[in-house]
Amino acid sequence: MQRREFSITTASVAAAASLGALSIPARAQAPAPAPRAGTDFLVLDKPAPVEAPVGKVEVVEFFWYSCPHCNTFEPALDEWIKKAPKDVAVRRVPIAFRPDFEPQQRLYYVLEAMNKVDELHKKVFYAIHVEKQMLNTPDLIAAWAEKQGLNKAKFLETYNSFSVATKARKATQLQDAYKIDGVPALGVAGRYFTSGSMAQTMGRALLVTDYLIAQVRKG
C-alpha cells in the first residue's frame, strides 16, 4: 500500500491538537524543544518546484485516497488549513508510487478541473474507507462520479485529457523531488519535508510545519 507505514490514529492527532488546552499552569510547563533537522524534518538537498506566488509560503500535502492514514489525517488537516495565516498557500498532491495508483491520482485532478474538490474530496475518502468501494480503475471511478451527479462522459473526457495527464505527471515528479516514501506527508516551501514517521504523529507534524513556515519567513 505504501513505501513506509506511519503510526497514526485519530486519538494521536486529537491529542497533539489539544496540547494547549491542558489545564496545567503556564509556569509549570516546560518549553517544547524546537524541531530538529534530520529528526523531525528533512532539509532537501535540492529545492523542489513551488507554485505559490512570491510572498506566499507553500505547504504541500502528499496523499493517496486509499491510504487509511490519509483518511484519518484529513479532518485535522482541514482544521489546520482553516486557521492557516494568509501568507500560507496549501495544495494537495496525490501520489503515485506505482502505476495502479494513477487512477486515483487522476481522480483528484478531474475533481479540481470540474471545481468539485470542496464538494467531493471528502466523499472519495468516505466511499473507500467507510463504504468499502473499490475506486481503483477508471470505470469504477467514473461510475462513482456519475452517482455523485457528474456527467459521466464529461468526467471521462476530463480524466483522459492532456491537462489531467500533465498534472498527474508533475505530481509524481514532485513526490520524487521531495523524496516521498510514504503518506501522508508535508512539504514546505520546496525546502523541507516532514511526516508522521519523523514527527511521531501527524498532529505533531503540523506543529513542525508551523515551525518550518516561521523559518521560511525569516529567510
N, C-alpha and C. Protein backbone atom coordinates (compact mmCIF):
# COMPACT_ATOMS: atom_id res chain seq x y z
N MET A 1 0.83 -1.21 0.00
CA MET A 1 0.00 0.00 0.00
C MET A 1 0.86 1.26 0.00
N GLN A 2 1.88 1.27 0.88
CA GLN A 2 2.75 2.43 0.99
C GLN A 2 4.20 1.99 1.03
N ARG A 3 5.09 2.90 0.73
CA ARG A 3 6.51 2.57 0.85
C ARG A 3 6.91 2.49 2.31
N ARG A 4 6.23 3.25 3.16
CA ARG A 4 6.53 3.18 4.59
C ARG A 4 5.25 3.43 5.36
N GLU A 5 5.03 2.63 6.38
CA GLU A 5 3.82 2.78 7.18
C GLU A 5 4.02 3.83 8.25
N PHE A 6 3.00 4.64 8.49
CA PHE A 6 3.06 5.63 9.55
C PHE A 6 2.10 5.23 10.66
N SER A 7 2.49 5.43 11.87
CA SER A 7 1.65 5.09 13.03
C SER A 7 0.82 6.30 13.40
N ILE A 8 -0.40 6.36 12.85
CA ILE A 8 -1.28 7.50 13.08
C ILE A 8 -2.64 7.00 13.52
N THR A 9 -3.22 7.63 14.52
CA THR A 9 -4.59 7.34 14.93
C THR A 9 -5.31 8.64 15.14
N THR A 10 -6.62 8.58 15.09
CA THR A 10 -7.40 9.79 15.35
C THR A 10 -7.08 10.33 16.73
N ALA A 11 -6.86 9.44 17.69
CA ALA A 11 -6.56 9.88 19.06
C ALA A 11 -5.26 10.65 19.11
N SER A 12 -4.23 10.19 18.39
CA SER A 12 -2.94 10.88 18.45
C SER A 12 -3.03 12.24 17.80
N VAL A 13 -3.79 12.34 16.73
CA VAL A 13 -3.95 13.64 16.07
C VAL A 13 -4.68 14.60 16.99
N ALA A 14 -5.77 14.12 17.61
CA ALA A 14 -6.54 14.98 18.51
C ALA A 14 -5.72 15.39 19.72
N ALA A 15 -4.93 14.46 20.23
CA ALA A 15 -4.12 14.76 21.41
C ALA A 15 -3.11 15.85 21.11
N ALA A 16 -2.44 15.75 19.96
CA ALA A 16 -1.46 16.77 19.61
C ALA A 16 -2.12 18.12 19.39
N ALA A 17 -3.32 18.08 18.82
CA ALA A 17 -4.02 19.33 18.53
C ALA A 17 -4.51 20.02 19.80
N SER A 18 -4.68 19.24 20.86
CA SER A 18 -5.25 19.80 22.09
C SER A 18 -4.23 20.06 23.17
N LEU A 19 -2.95 20.07 22.83
CA LEU A 19 -1.91 20.26 23.84
C LEU A 19 -2.10 21.56 24.61
N GLY A 20 -2.52 22.60 23.87
CA GLY A 20 -2.67 23.91 24.52
C GLY A 20 -3.86 23.98 25.44
N ALA A 21 -4.73 22.98 25.42
CA ALA A 21 -5.95 23.02 26.23
C ALA A 21 -5.78 22.34 27.58
N LEU A 22 -4.63 21.73 27.82
CA LEU A 22 -4.44 21.05 29.10
C LEU A 22 -4.47 22.05 30.25
N SER A 23 -5.12 21.67 31.32
CA SER A 23 -5.28 22.58 32.46
C SER A 23 -4.09 22.51 33.40
N ILE A 24 -2.92 22.93 32.89
CA ILE A 24 -1.70 22.99 33.68
C ILE A 24 -1.25 24.44 33.70
N PRO A 25 -0.90 25.00 34.85
CA PRO A 25 -0.43 26.38 34.88
C PRO A 25 0.72 26.59 33.91
N ALA A 26 0.71 27.73 33.22
CA ALA A 26 1.71 28.00 32.20
C ALA A 26 3.12 27.91 32.77
N ARG A 27 3.31 28.38 34.02
CA ARG A 27 4.66 28.38 34.59
C ARG A 27 5.17 26.97 34.87
N ALA A 28 4.25 25.99 34.90
CA ALA A 28 4.65 24.61 35.19
C ALA A 28 5.02 23.85 33.92
N GLN A 29 4.76 24.44 32.78
CA GLN A 29 5.00 23.75 31.53
C GLN A 29 6.41 24.04 31.03
N ALA A 30 7.17 22.99 30.78
CA ALA A 30 8.50 23.17 30.20
C ALA A 30 8.34 23.49 28.73
N PRO A 31 9.13 24.44 28.21
CA PRO A 31 9.03 24.78 26.79
C PRO A 31 9.38 23.58 25.92
N ALA A 32 8.59 23.37 24.89
CA ALA A 32 8.85 22.25 23.99
C ALA A 32 10.13 22.52 23.20
N PRO A 33 10.97 21.51 23.02
CA PRO A 33 12.20 21.72 22.26
C PRO A 33 11.87 22.01 20.79
N ALA A 34 12.69 22.84 20.17
CA ALA A 34 12.48 23.18 18.76
C ALA A 34 12.68 21.94 17.90
N PRO A 35 11.89 21.77 16.86
CA PRO A 35 12.08 20.63 15.96
C PRO A 35 13.51 20.61 15.41
N ARG A 36 14.03 19.40 15.21
CA ARG A 36 15.41 19.26 14.77
C ARG A 36 15.49 18.69 13.36
N ALA A 37 16.35 19.30 12.55
CA ALA A 37 16.60 18.80 11.21
C ALA A 37 17.22 17.41 11.29
N GLY A 38 16.75 16.52 10.44
CA GLY A 38 17.26 15.16 10.44
C GLY A 38 16.52 14.24 11.38
N THR A 39 15.77 14.83 12.31
CA THR A 39 14.97 14.04 13.26
C THR A 39 13.48 14.28 13.06
N ASP A 40 13.08 15.55 13.15
CA ASP A 40 11.66 15.91 13.00
C ASP A 40 11.32 16.33 11.58
N PHE A 41 12.31 16.71 10.82
CA PHE A 41 12.10 17.10 9.43
C PHE A 41 13.40 16.95 8.66
N LEU A 42 13.29 16.94 7.35
CA LEU A 42 14.45 16.87 6.48
C LEU A 42 14.58 18.16 5.68
N VAL A 43 15.81 18.55 5.42
CA VAL A 43 16.09 19.67 4.53
C VAL A 43 16.47 19.08 3.17
N LEU A 44 15.77 19.47 2.12
CA LEU A 44 16.04 18.89 0.81
C LEU A 44 17.41 19.31 0.30
N ASP A 45 18.10 18.37 -0.32
CA ASP A 45 19.40 18.67 -0.92
C ASP A 45 19.25 19.64 -2.09
N LYS A 46 18.17 19.46 -2.83
CA LYS A 46 17.87 20.30 -3.99
C LYS A 46 16.45 20.81 -3.87
N PRO A 47 16.23 22.13 -3.94
CA PRO A 47 14.87 22.67 -3.79
C PRO A 47 13.89 22.06 -4.79
N ALA A 48 12.68 21.78 -4.32
CA ALA A 48 11.61 21.26 -5.17
C ALA A 48 10.83 22.43 -5.77
N PRO A 49 10.18 22.23 -6.91
CA PRO A 49 9.39 23.31 -7.53
C PRO A 49 8.23 23.73 -6.63
N VAL A 50 7.89 25.01 -6.66
CA VAL A 50 6.73 25.52 -5.94
C VAL A 50 5.83 26.26 -6.91
N GLU A 51 4.55 26.31 -6.58
CA GLU A 51 3.58 27.01 -7.42
C GLU A 51 3.05 28.27 -6.75
N ALA A 52 3.31 28.42 -5.48
CA ALA A 52 2.79 29.58 -4.75
C ALA A 52 3.46 30.85 -5.25
N PRO A 53 2.71 31.95 -5.33
CA PRO A 53 3.29 33.23 -5.78
C PRO A 53 4.29 33.78 -4.77
N VAL A 54 5.07 34.74 -5.21
CA VAL A 54 6.04 35.39 -4.33
C VAL A 54 5.32 35.99 -3.13
N GLY A 55 5.89 35.81 -1.95
CA GLY A 55 5.25 36.32 -0.74
C GLY A 55 4.40 35.30 -0.02
N LYS A 56 4.20 34.13 -0.64
CA LYS A 56 3.43 33.05 -0.02
C LYS A 56 4.35 31.89 0.33
N VAL A 57 4.05 31.23 1.42
CA VAL A 57 4.78 30.02 1.82
C VAL A 57 3.93 28.82 1.43
N GLU A 58 4.43 28.00 0.54
CA GLU A 58 3.66 26.86 0.06
C GLU A 58 3.82 25.64 0.96
N VAL A 59 2.69 25.05 1.32
CA VAL A 59 2.67 23.79 2.06
C VAL A 59 1.96 22.77 1.19
N VAL A 60 2.60 21.65 0.97
CA VAL A 60 2.05 20.59 0.12
C VAL A 60 1.71 19.38 0.96
N GLU A 61 0.47 18.92 0.84
CA GLU A 61 0.12 17.66 1.48
C GLU A 61 0.15 16.57 0.42
N PHE A 62 0.98 15.57 0.61
CA PHE A 62 1.03 14.41 -0.27
C PHE A 62 0.11 13.34 0.31
N PHE A 63 -0.79 12.81 -0.53
CA PHE A 63 -1.78 11.85 -0.03
C PHE A 63 -2.13 10.83 -1.09
N TRP A 64 -2.83 9.80 -0.66
CA TRP A 64 -3.40 8.78 -1.54
C TRP A 64 -4.77 8.46 -0.98
N TYR A 65 -5.78 8.48 -1.84
CA TYR A 65 -7.14 8.27 -1.36
C TYR A 65 -7.32 6.93 -0.63
N SER A 66 -6.64 5.88 -1.05
CA SER A 66 -6.82 4.58 -0.43
C SER A 66 -6.01 4.40 0.84
N CYS A 67 -5.22 5.38 1.21
CA CYS A 67 -4.40 5.30 2.42
C CYS A 67 -5.26 5.57 3.66
N PRO A 68 -5.36 4.62 4.59
CA PRO A 68 -6.19 4.83 5.79
C PRO A 68 -5.64 5.95 6.67
N HIS A 69 -4.33 6.15 6.68
CA HIS A 69 -3.74 7.21 7.49
C HIS A 69 -4.09 8.58 6.92
N CYS A 70 -4.14 8.68 5.61
CA CYS A 70 -4.54 9.94 4.97
C CYS A 70 -6.00 10.25 5.30
N ASN A 71 -6.81 9.22 5.31
CA ASN A 71 -8.22 9.39 5.68
C ASN A 71 -8.35 9.89 7.11
N THR A 72 -7.55 9.33 8.03
CA THR A 72 -7.58 9.74 9.43
C THR A 72 -7.08 11.17 9.60
N PHE A 73 -6.08 11.54 8.81
CA PHE A 73 -5.45 12.85 8.92
C PHE A 73 -6.30 13.97 8.34
N GLU A 74 -7.17 13.67 7.40
CA GLU A 74 -7.92 14.69 6.66
C GLU A 74 -8.64 15.71 7.54
N PRO A 75 -9.39 15.30 8.58
CA PRO A 75 -10.08 16.30 9.41
C PRO A 75 -9.12 17.26 10.11
N ALA A 76 -8.01 16.75 10.63
CA ALA A 76 -7.04 17.61 11.31
C ALA A 76 -6.40 18.58 10.32
N LEU A 77 -6.08 18.10 9.14
CA LEU A 77 -5.50 18.98 8.11
C LEU A 77 -6.49 20.06 7.71
N ASP A 78 -7.74 19.65 7.55
CA ASP A 78 -8.78 20.61 7.15
C ASP A 78 -8.90 21.74 8.16
N GLU A 79 -8.87 21.40 9.45
CA GLU A 79 -8.93 22.42 10.51
C GLU A 79 -7.68 23.31 10.49
N TRP A 80 -6.55 22.71 10.24
CA TRP A 80 -5.30 23.47 10.19
C TRP A 80 -5.33 24.46 9.02
N ILE A 81 -5.84 24.02 7.89
CA ILE A 81 -5.94 24.89 6.71
C ILE A 81 -6.84 26.09 7.00
N LYS A 82 -7.96 25.84 7.69
CA LYS A 82 -8.90 26.92 8.00
C LYS A 82 -8.24 28.01 8.86
N LYS A 83 -7.28 27.61 9.70
CA LYS A 83 -6.64 28.55 10.62
C LYS A 83 -5.29 29.06 10.10
N ALA A 84 -4.88 28.60 8.92
CA ALA A 84 -3.57 28.97 8.40
C ALA A 84 -3.50 30.46 8.10
N PRO A 85 -2.36 31.09 8.35
CA PRO A 85 -2.18 32.51 8.06
C PRO A 85 -2.37 32.80 6.56
N LYS A 86 -2.65 34.04 6.24
CA LYS A 86 -2.94 34.43 4.86
C LYS A 86 -1.76 34.25 3.93
N ASP A 87 -0.55 34.23 4.49
CA ASP A 87 0.62 34.08 3.62
C ASP A 87 0.99 32.62 3.39
N VAL A 88 0.13 31.70 3.81
CA VAL A 88 0.37 30.27 3.60
C VAL A 88 -0.55 29.75 2.51
N ALA A 89 0.02 29.15 1.49
CA ALA A 89 -0.75 28.57 0.39
C ALA A 89 -0.65 27.05 0.46
N VAL A 90 -1.79 26.39 0.65
CA VAL A 90 -1.81 24.93 0.80
C VAL A 90 -2.32 24.29 -0.48
N ARG A 91 -1.64 23.27 -0.92
CA ARG A 91 -2.18 22.49 -2.05
C ARG A 91 -1.97 21.01 -1.79
N ARG A 92 -2.91 20.23 -2.26
CA ARG A 92 -2.84 18.78 -2.11
C ARG A 92 -2.24 18.18 -3.37
N VAL A 93 -1.42 17.17 -3.18
CA VAL A 93 -0.79 16.49 -4.31
C VAL A 93 -0.97 14.98 -4.13
N PRO A 94 -1.77 14.34 -4.99
CA PRO A 94 -1.97 12.90 -4.91
C PRO A 94 -0.73 12.18 -5.45
N ILE A 95 -0.27 11.18 -4.71
CA ILE A 95 0.94 10.48 -5.11
C ILE A 95 0.62 9.25 -5.97
N ALA A 96 1.66 8.75 -6.64
CA ALA A 96 1.52 7.51 -7.41
C ALA A 96 2.84 6.76 -7.30
N PHE A 97 2.94 5.90 -6.30
CA PHE A 97 4.14 5.10 -6.12
C PHE A 97 4.24 4.00 -7.18
N ARG A 98 3.06 3.58 -7.67
CA ARG A 98 3.02 2.54 -8.69
C ARG A 98 1.99 2.95 -9.75
N PRO A 99 2.04 2.32 -10.94
CA PRO A 99 1.08 2.67 -12.00
C PRO A 99 -0.37 2.50 -11.57
N ASP A 100 -0.66 1.54 -10.68
CA ASP A 100 -2.05 1.31 -10.28
C ASP A 100 -2.58 2.38 -9.33
N PHE A 101 -1.70 3.30 -8.89
CA PHE A 101 -2.15 4.45 -8.10
C PHE A 101 -2.70 5.56 -8.98
N GLU A 102 -2.34 5.55 -10.25
CA GLU A 102 -2.65 6.68 -11.12
C GLU A 102 -4.14 6.98 -11.27
N PRO A 103 -5.04 5.99 -11.34
CA PRO A 103 -6.46 6.33 -11.46
C PRO A 103 -6.95 7.28 -10.37
N GLN A 104 -6.56 7.04 -9.11
CA GLN A 104 -6.99 7.94 -8.04
C GLN A 104 -6.25 9.27 -8.10
N GLN A 105 -5.03 9.24 -8.59
CA GLN A 105 -4.28 10.48 -8.79
C GLN A 105 -5.02 11.36 -9.80
N ARG A 106 -5.45 10.76 -10.89
CA ARG A 106 -6.20 11.50 -11.91
C ARG A 106 -7.57 11.93 -11.38
N LEU A 107 -8.18 11.09 -10.55
CA LEU A 107 -9.49 11.44 -9.98
C LEU A 107 -9.41 12.80 -9.31
N TYR A 108 -8.39 13.02 -8.49
CA TYR A 108 -8.28 14.30 -7.79
C TYR A 108 -8.20 15.46 -8.78
N TYR A 109 -7.42 15.30 -9.83
CA TYR A 109 -7.25 16.40 -10.78
C TYR A 109 -8.48 16.62 -11.66
N VAL A 110 -9.27 15.57 -11.84
CA VAL A 110 -10.56 15.76 -12.53
C VAL A 110 -11.50 16.57 -11.65
N LEU A 111 -11.56 16.23 -10.37
CA LEU A 111 -12.40 17.00 -9.44
C LEU A 111 -11.94 18.46 -9.41
N GLU A 112 -10.65 18.67 -9.43
CA GLU A 112 -10.11 20.03 -9.44
C GLU A 112 -10.52 20.76 -10.71
N ALA A 113 -10.40 20.10 -11.86
CA ALA A 113 -10.75 20.72 -13.14
C ALA A 113 -12.24 21.03 -13.23
N MET A 114 -13.07 20.22 -12.57
CA MET A 114 -14.52 20.42 -12.61
C MET A 114 -15.03 21.23 -11.41
N ASN A 115 -14.09 21.81 -10.64
CA ASN A 115 -14.44 22.62 -9.46
C ASN A 115 -15.30 21.84 -8.47
N LYS A 116 -14.92 20.59 -8.23
CA LYS A 116 -15.68 19.73 -7.33
C LYS A 116 -14.89 19.22 -6.14
N VAL A 117 -13.68 19.75 -5.94
CA VAL A 117 -12.86 19.27 -4.82
C VAL A 117 -13.56 19.52 -3.48
N ASP A 118 -14.03 20.74 -3.28
CA ASP A 118 -14.68 21.07 -2.00
C ASP A 118 -15.89 20.17 -1.73
N GLU A 119 -16.60 19.83 -2.78
CA GLU A 119 -17.82 19.03 -2.64
C GLU A 119 -17.55 17.54 -2.49
N LEU A 120 -16.55 17.03 -3.22
CA LEU A 120 -16.42 15.58 -3.33
C LEU A 120 -15.12 14.98 -2.76
N HIS A 121 -14.14 15.79 -2.42
CA HIS A 121 -12.87 15.25 -1.94
C HIS A 121 -13.08 14.34 -0.72
N LYS A 122 -13.81 14.82 0.28
CA LYS A 122 -14.06 14.01 1.48
C LYS A 122 -14.94 12.81 1.17
N LYS A 123 -15.82 12.96 0.19
CA LYS A 123 -16.71 11.86 -0.18
C LYS A 123 -15.94 10.70 -0.81
N VAL A 124 -14.82 11.01 -1.47
CA VAL A 124 -13.99 9.93 -2.02
C VAL A 124 -13.42 9.09 -0.88
N PHE A 125 -12.88 9.76 0.13
CA PHE A 125 -12.37 9.04 1.31
C PHE A 125 -13.48 8.20 1.95
N TYR A 126 -14.66 8.78 2.08
CA TYR A 126 -15.78 8.09 2.71
C TYR A 126 -16.16 6.85 1.90
N ALA A 127 -16.22 7.00 0.60
CA ALA A 127 -16.61 5.87 -0.26
C ALA A 127 -15.62 4.71 -0.13
N ILE A 128 -14.35 5.04 -0.03
CA ILE A 128 -13.33 4.00 0.03
C ILE A 128 -13.22 3.38 1.42
N HIS A 129 -13.18 4.22 2.45
CA HIS A 129 -12.86 3.72 3.79
C HIS A 129 -14.08 3.36 4.65
N VAL A 130 -15.22 3.91 4.33
CA VAL A 130 -16.44 3.59 5.10
C VAL A 130 -17.35 2.66 4.30
N GLU A 131 -17.61 3.04 3.05
CA GLU A 131 -18.48 2.22 2.21
C GLU A 131 -17.74 1.06 1.55
N LYS A 132 -16.39 1.06 1.65
CA LYS A 132 -15.54 -0.03 1.14
C LYS A 132 -15.68 -0.22 -0.37
N GLN A 133 -15.84 0.88 -1.08
CA GLN A 133 -15.91 0.82 -2.53
C GLN A 133 -14.50 0.73 -3.12
N MET A 134 -14.36 -0.03 -4.19
CA MET A 134 -13.06 -0.19 -4.85
C MET A 134 -12.94 0.84 -5.98
N LEU A 135 -12.51 2.01 -5.64
CA LEU A 135 -12.36 3.06 -6.65
C LEU A 135 -10.92 3.07 -7.14
N ASN A 136 -10.59 2.03 -7.92
CA ASN A 136 -9.20 1.87 -8.35
C ASN A 136 -9.02 1.67 -9.85
N THR A 137 -10.09 1.85 -10.62
CA THR A 137 -10.00 1.79 -12.07
C THR A 137 -10.79 2.95 -12.66
N PRO A 138 -10.47 3.36 -13.88
CA PRO A 138 -11.22 4.47 -14.49
C PRO A 138 -12.73 4.20 -14.55
N ASP A 139 -13.13 2.97 -14.87
CA ASP A 139 -14.55 2.66 -14.99
C ASP A 139 -15.26 2.75 -13.65
N LEU A 140 -14.64 2.19 -12.60
CA LEU A 140 -15.25 2.25 -11.27
C LEU A 140 -15.33 3.68 -10.76
N ILE A 141 -14.30 4.45 -11.02
CA ILE A 141 -14.28 5.85 -10.59
C ILE A 141 -15.33 6.66 -11.33
N ALA A 142 -15.44 6.44 -12.65
CA ALA A 142 -16.42 7.18 -13.45
C ALA A 142 -17.85 6.82 -13.03
N ALA A 143 -18.09 5.55 -12.71
CA ALA A 143 -19.42 5.13 -12.26
C ALA A 143 -19.76 5.80 -10.94
N TRP A 144 -18.78 5.90 -10.04
CA TRP A 144 -18.99 6.57 -8.75
C TRP A 144 -19.27 8.06 -8.97
N ALA A 145 -18.50 8.68 -9.84
CA ALA A 145 -18.68 10.10 -10.13
C ALA A 145 -20.08 10.39 -10.68
N GLU A 146 -20.57 9.49 -11.52
CA GLU A 146 -21.91 9.66 -12.08
C GLU A 146 -22.96 9.63 -10.97
N LYS A 147 -22.77 8.75 -9.98
CA LYS A 147 -23.70 8.67 -8.86
C LYS A 147 -23.67 9.94 -8.00
N GLN A 148 -22.58 10.70 -8.10
CA GLN A 148 -22.47 11.96 -7.35
C GLN A 148 -23.06 13.14 -8.14
N GLY A 149 -23.63 12.83 -9.30
CA GLY A 149 -24.28 13.87 -10.08
C GLY A 149 -23.43 14.45 -11.20
N LEU A 150 -22.24 13.90 -11.43
CA LEU A 150 -21.39 14.40 -12.51
C LEU A 150 -21.74 13.71 -13.82
N ASN A 151 -21.59 14.43 -14.89
CA ASN A 151 -21.81 13.85 -16.22
C ASN A 151 -20.68 12.87 -16.52
N LYS A 152 -21.05 11.61 -16.75
CA LYS A 152 -20.04 10.57 -16.92
C LYS A 152 -19.16 10.81 -18.13
N ALA A 153 -19.77 11.21 -19.23
CA ALA A 153 -18.99 11.44 -20.45
C ALA A 153 -18.00 12.59 -20.26
N LYS A 154 -18.46 13.66 -19.61
CA LYS A 154 -17.59 14.80 -19.35
C LYS A 154 -16.48 14.41 -18.38
N PHE A 155 -16.83 13.60 -17.40
CA PHE A 155 -15.84 13.15 -16.42
C PHE A 155 -14.73 12.37 -17.13
N LEU A 156 -15.10 11.41 -17.96
CA LEU A 156 -14.12 10.59 -18.65
C LEU A 156 -13.30 11.41 -19.65
N GLU A 157 -13.94 12.37 -20.28
CA GLU A 157 -13.21 13.24 -21.20
C GLU A 157 -12.12 14.01 -20.45
N THR A 158 -12.48 14.52 -19.29
CA THR A 158 -11.51 15.26 -18.48
C THR A 158 -10.45 14.32 -17.93
N TYR A 159 -10.86 13.14 -17.49
CA TYR A 159 -9.95 12.14 -16.95
C TYR A 159 -8.85 11.80 -17.97
N ASN A 160 -9.23 11.70 -19.22
CA ASN A 160 -8.30 11.32 -20.29
C ASN A 160 -7.65 12.51 -20.98
N SER A 161 -7.89 13.70 -20.48
CA SER A 161 -7.37 14.91 -21.12
C SER A 161 -5.86 15.07 -20.93
N PHE A 162 -5.27 15.83 -21.83
CA PHE A 162 -3.84 16.13 -21.74
C PHE A 162 -3.53 16.90 -20.46
N SER A 163 -4.43 17.80 -20.08
CA SER A 163 -4.23 18.62 -18.89
C SER A 163 -4.12 17.77 -17.63
N VAL A 164 -5.04 16.84 -17.46
CA VAL A 164 -5.02 15.98 -16.28
C VAL A 164 -3.81 15.05 -16.31
N ALA A 165 -3.48 14.53 -17.49
CA ALA A 165 -2.30 13.67 -17.60
C ALA A 165 -1.03 14.43 -17.22
N THR A 166 -0.97 15.70 -17.62
CA THR A 166 0.19 16.53 -17.30
C THR A 166 0.28 16.78 -15.80
N LYS A 167 -0.86 17.09 -15.17
CA LYS A 167 -0.86 17.34 -13.73
C LYS A 167 -0.46 16.09 -12.95
N ALA A 168 -0.93 14.94 -13.41
CA ALA A 168 -0.57 13.68 -12.75
C ALA A 168 0.93 13.43 -12.87
N ARG A 169 1.48 13.70 -14.06
CA ARG A 169 2.91 13.50 -14.25
C ARG A 169 3.73 14.45 -13.36
N LYS A 170 3.30 15.70 -13.28
CA LYS A 170 4.00 16.68 -12.43
C LYS A 170 3.89 16.32 -10.96
N ALA A 171 2.75 15.74 -10.56
CA ALA A 171 2.58 15.32 -9.17
C ALA A 171 3.60 14.23 -8.82
N THR A 172 3.78 13.28 -9.72
CA THR A 172 4.74 12.22 -9.49
C THR A 172 6.16 12.77 -9.45
N GLN A 173 6.45 13.74 -10.32
CA GLN A 173 7.77 14.38 -10.32
C GLN A 173 8.01 15.12 -9.00
N LEU A 174 6.96 15.75 -8.47
CA LEU A 174 7.11 16.49 -7.21
C LEU A 174 7.32 15.54 -6.04
N GLN A 175 6.60 14.42 -6.02
CA GLN A 175 6.80 13.45 -4.94
C GLN A 175 8.24 12.93 -4.97
N ASP A 176 8.78 12.77 -6.17
CA ASP A 176 10.17 12.31 -6.28
C ASP A 176 11.15 13.40 -5.85
N ALA A 177 10.83 14.65 -6.17
CA ALA A 177 11.70 15.77 -5.77
C ALA A 177 11.77 15.88 -4.25
N TYR A 178 10.64 15.62 -3.59
CA TYR A 178 10.61 15.66 -2.13
C TYR A 178 11.07 14.33 -1.51
N LYS A 179 11.31 13.34 -2.36
CA LYS A 179 11.74 12.01 -1.91
C LYS A 179 10.72 11.38 -0.97
N ILE A 180 9.45 11.53 -1.34
CA ILE A 180 8.37 10.97 -0.53
C ILE A 180 8.41 9.44 -0.58
N ASP A 181 8.39 8.81 0.58
CA ASP A 181 8.39 7.35 0.63
C ASP A 181 7.19 6.80 1.39
N GLY A 182 6.25 7.65 1.74
CA GLY A 182 5.03 7.22 2.40
C GLY A 182 4.12 8.41 2.61
N VAL A 183 2.84 8.14 2.81
CA VAL A 183 1.88 9.22 3.01
C VAL A 183 1.01 8.94 4.23
N PRO A 184 0.44 10.01 4.86
CA PRO A 184 0.51 11.41 4.47
C PRO A 184 1.87 12.02 4.82
N ALA A 185 2.24 13.05 4.07
CA ALA A 185 3.49 13.75 4.31
C ALA A 185 3.29 15.21 3.92
N LEU A 186 4.15 16.08 4.46
CA LEU A 186 4.01 17.52 4.22
C LEU A 186 5.33 18.11 3.73
N GLY A 187 5.23 18.88 2.66
CA GLY A 187 6.38 19.59 2.13
C GLY A 187 6.19 21.08 2.37
N VAL A 188 7.27 21.79 2.67
CA VAL A 188 7.18 23.21 2.98
C VAL A 188 8.15 24.00 2.10
N ALA A 189 7.59 24.89 1.30
CA ALA A 189 8.35 25.86 0.51
C ALA A 189 9.39 25.23 -0.42
N GLY A 190 9.19 23.99 -0.80
CA GLY A 190 10.16 23.34 -1.66
C GLY A 190 11.49 23.07 -0.99
N ARG A 191 11.55 23.25 0.33
CA ARG A 191 12.82 23.13 1.06
C ARG A 191 12.81 22.04 2.12
N TYR A 192 11.65 21.82 2.74
CA TYR A 192 11.58 20.94 3.89
C TYR A 192 10.52 19.86 3.71
N PHE A 193 10.71 18.79 4.47
CA PHE A 193 9.78 17.66 4.42
C PHE A 193 9.59 17.10 5.82
N THR A 194 8.35 16.84 6.21
CA THR A 194 8.08 16.18 7.48
C THR A 194 6.93 15.20 7.30
N SER A 195 6.79 14.32 8.28
CA SER A 195 5.76 13.28 8.19
C SER A 195 5.45 12.77 9.59
N GLY A 196 4.44 11.92 9.67
CA GLY A 196 4.10 11.31 10.95
C GLY A 196 5.19 10.40 11.45
N SER A 197 5.92 9.78 10.54
CA SER A 197 7.01 8.91 10.93
C SER A 197 8.14 9.69 11.59
N MET A 198 8.45 10.86 11.03
CA MET A 198 9.53 11.67 11.58
C MET A 198 9.11 12.41 12.85
N ALA A 199 7.92 13.00 12.82
CA ALA A 199 7.45 13.83 13.95
C ALA A 199 6.73 13.02 15.03
N GLN A 200 6.60 11.71 14.82
CA GLN A 200 5.94 10.77 15.74
C GLN A 200 4.44 10.66 15.52
N THR A 201 3.76 11.77 15.25
CA THR A 201 2.34 11.74 14.87
C THR A 201 2.12 12.81 13.81
N MET A 202 1.03 12.70 13.08
CA MET A 202 0.73 13.74 12.09
C MET A 202 0.28 15.02 12.77
N GLY A 203 -0.29 14.90 13.99
CA GLY A 203 -0.63 16.11 14.73
C GLY A 203 0.62 16.91 15.03
N ARG A 204 1.68 16.25 15.47
CA ARG A 204 2.92 16.95 15.74
C ARG A 204 3.59 17.40 14.43
N ALA A 205 3.38 16.66 13.35
CA ALA A 205 3.93 17.07 12.05
C ALA A 205 3.38 18.44 11.64
N LEU A 206 2.14 18.72 12.02
CA LEU A 206 1.57 20.04 11.74
C LEU A 206 2.27 21.11 12.58
N LEU A 207 2.63 20.78 13.81
CA LEU A 207 3.37 21.72 14.64
C LEU A 207 4.76 21.97 14.06
N VAL A 208 5.37 20.91 13.55
CA VAL A 208 6.67 21.06 12.89
C VAL A 208 6.52 21.93 11.65
N THR A 209 5.42 21.75 10.93
CA THR A 209 5.15 22.57 9.74
C THR A 209 5.03 24.04 10.11
N ASP A 210 4.34 24.33 11.22
CA ASP A 210 4.25 25.72 11.70
C ASP A 210 5.65 26.29 11.94
N TYR A 211 6.50 25.49 12.55
CA TYR A 211 7.88 25.92 12.82
C TYR A 211 8.63 26.21 11.52
N LEU A 212 8.47 25.31 10.54
CA LEU A 212 9.17 25.47 9.27
C LEU A 212 8.67 26.69 8.49
N ILE A 213 7.37 26.96 8.59
CA ILE A 213 6.83 28.16 7.95
C ILE A 213 7.48 29.40 8.54
N ALA A 214 7.63 29.40 9.86
CA ALA A 214 8.29 30.53 10.53
C ALA A 214 9.74 30.68 10.06
N GLN A 215 10.41 29.55 9.87
CA GLN A 215 11.80 29.60 9.39
C GLN A 215 11.88 30.18 7.99
N VAL A 216 10.92 29.82 7.15
CA VAL A 216 10.89 30.35 5.78
C VAL A 216 10.69 31.86 5.80
N ARG A 217 9.80 32.32 6.67
CA ARG A 217 9.54 33.76 6.76
C ARG A 217 10.82 34.53 7.15
N LYS A 218 11.67 33.88 7.95
CA LYS A 218 12.91 34.52 8.37
C LYS A 218 13.93 34.59 7.25
N GLY A 219 13.65 33.86 6.17
CA GLY A 219 14.55 33.90 5.03
C GLY A 219 15.74 32.99 5.18
